[in-house]
Amino acid sequence: MLREFKEFVLKGNLLELAVAFVLGLAFAGVVTAFISGIVLPLIAAIVGQPSFDALQFTVGDGVIS
């Protein structure tokens, strides 16, 4: 009986994990599309720089690009 319960619990957790993974991927796609399609062009219009490829920040000795 304990073995059957363990199998039941593991199957349920695996299914929930798979659903959460798929939802996470879908949410990441929506967020990426929103940022690249709306937020970045809006910032580019305000700042006047159409491309952020040449944008760099220096923090201490490191460069963030």
C-alpha atoms as a PDB file:
ATOM      1  CA  MET A   1       0.000   0.000   0.000  1.00  0.00           C
ATOM      2  CA  LEU A   2       2.832   2.412   0.797  1.00  0.00           C
ATOM      3  CA  ARG A   3       4.520   1.651  -2.537  1.00  0.00           C
ATOM      4  CA  GLU A   4       1.314   2.403  -4.466  1.00  0.00           C
ATOM      5  CA  PHE A   5       0.888   5.691  -2.620  1.00  0.00           C
ATOM      6  CA  LYS A   6       4.477   6.663  -3.413  1.00  0.00           C
ATOM      7  CA  GLU A   7       3.916   5.947  -7.124  1.00  0.00           C
ATOM      8  CA  PHE A   8       0.697   7.995  -7.079  1.00  0.00           C
ATOM      9  CA  VAL A   9       2.392  10.983  -5.433  1.00  0.00           C
ATOM     10  CA  LEU A  10       5.357  10.909  -7.801  1.00  0.00           C
ATOM     11  CA  LYS A  11       3.120  10.743 -10.890  1.00  0.00           C
ATOM     12  CA  GLY A  12       1.085  13.726  -9.698  1.00  0.00           C
ATOM     13  CA  ASN A  13       4.163  15.808  -8.947  1.00  0.00           C
ATOM     14  CA  LEU A  14       5.689  14.975 -12.298  1.00  0.00           C
ATOM     15  CA  LEU A  15       2.531  16.050 -14.112  1.00  0.00           C
ATOM     16  CA  GLU A  16       2.334  19.299 -12.143  1.00  0.00           C
ATOM     17  CA  LEU A  17       5.989  19.979 -12.849  1.00  0.00           C
ATOM     18  CA  ALA A  18       5.461  19.429 -16.577  1.00  0.00           C
ATOM     19  CA  VAL A  19       2.464  21.782 -16.626  1.00  0.00           C
ATOM     20  CA  ALA A  20       4.396  24.415 -14.679  1.00  0.00           C
ATOM     21  CA  PHE A  21       7.307  24.116 -17.109  1.00  0.00           C
ATOM     22  CA  VAL A  22       5.056  24.614 -20.144  1.00  0.00           C
ATOM     23  CA  LEU A  23       3.319  27.581 -18.511  1.00  0.00           C
ATOM     24  CA  GLY A  24       6.701  29.086 -17.632  1.00  0.00           C
ATOM     25  CA  LEU A  25       7.880  28.792 -21.225  1.00  0.00           C
ATOM     26  CA  ALA A  26       4.695  30.391 -22.516  1.00  0.00           C
ATOM     27  CA  PHE A  27       4.946  33.224 -20.001  1.00  0.00           C
ATOM     28  CA  ALA A  28       8.598  33.809 -20.910  1.00  0.00           C
ATOM     29  CA  GLY A  29       7.621  34.067 -24.572  1.00  0.00           C
ATOM     30  CA  VAL A  30       4.895  36.597 -23.802  1.00  0.00           C
ATOM     31  CA  VAL A  31       7.229  38.699 -21.659  1.00  0.00           C
ATOM     32  CA  THR A  32       9.986  38.610 -24.291  1.00  0.00           C
ATOM     33  CA  ALA A  33       7.568  39.673 -27.020  1.00  0.00           C
ATOM     34  CA  PHE A  34       6.196  42.480 -24.830  1.00  0.00           C
ATOM     35  CA  ILE A  35       9.649  43.808 -23.980  1.00  0.00           C
ATOM     36  CA  SER A  36      11.050  43.637 -27.511  1.00  0.00           C
ATOM     37  CA  GLY A  37       7.847  44.797 -29.208  1.00  0.00           C
ATOM     38  CA  ILE A  38       6.577  47.544 -26.905  1.00  0.00           C
ATOM     39  CA  VAL A  39       8.961  48.562 -24.121  1.00  0.00           C
ATOM     40  CA  LEU A  40      12.240  48.810 -26.037  1.00  0.00           C
ATOM     41  CA  PRO A  41      10.786  50.769 -28.987  1.00  0.00           C
ATOM     42  CA  LEU A  42       9.113  53.134 -26.519  1.00  0.00           C
ATOM     43  CA  ILE A  43      12.393  53.706 -24.688  1.00  0.00           C
ATOM     44  CA  ALA A  44      14.179  54.137 -28.015  1.00  0.00           C
ATOM     45  CA  ALA A  45      11.636  56.768 -29.056  1.00  0.00           C
ATOM     46  CA  ILE A  46      12.090  58.677 -25.804  1.00  0.00           C
ATOM     47  CA  VAL A  47      15.894  58.471 -25.720  1.00  0.00           C
ATOM     48  CA  GLY A  48      16.342  58.843 -29.457  1.00  0.00           C
ATOM     49  CA  GLN A  49      18.558  55.826 -29.937  1.00  0.00           C
ATOM     50  CA  PRO A  50      16.877  53.287 -32.264  1.00  0.00           C
ATOM     51  CA  SER A  51      19.229  50.424 -31.395  1.00  0.00           C
ATOM     52  CA  PHE A  52      20.560  49.348 -28.018  1.00  0.00           C
ATOM     53  CA  ASP A  53      23.386  47.248 -29.508  1.00  0.00           C
ATOM     54  CA  ALA A  54      26.051  49.883 -28.810  1.00  0.00           C
ATOM     55  CA  LEU A  55      24.792  50.661 -25.291  1.00  0.00           C
ATOM     56  CA  GLN A  56      27.355  49.879 -22.576  1.00  0.00           C
ATOM     57  CA  PHE A  57      27.583  50.494 -18.836  1.00  0.00           C
ATOM     58  CA  THR A  58      30.792  50.411 -16.838  1.00  0.00           C
ATOM     59  CA  VAL A  59      30.543  49.118 -13.293  1.00  0.00           C
ATOM     60  CA  GLY A  60      33.886  49.137 -11.565  1.00  0.00           C
ATOM     61  CA  ASP A  61      36.258  47.274 -13.870  1.00  0.00           C
ATOM     62  CA  GLY A  62      33.478  45.390 -15.682  1.00  0.00           C
ATOM     63  CA  VAL A  63      31.585  46.421 -18.781  1.00  0.00           C
ATOM     64  CA  ILE A  64      27.933  45.477 -19.228  1.00  0.00           C
ATOM     65  CA  SER A  65      26.784  45.524 -22.821  1.00  0.00           C
END
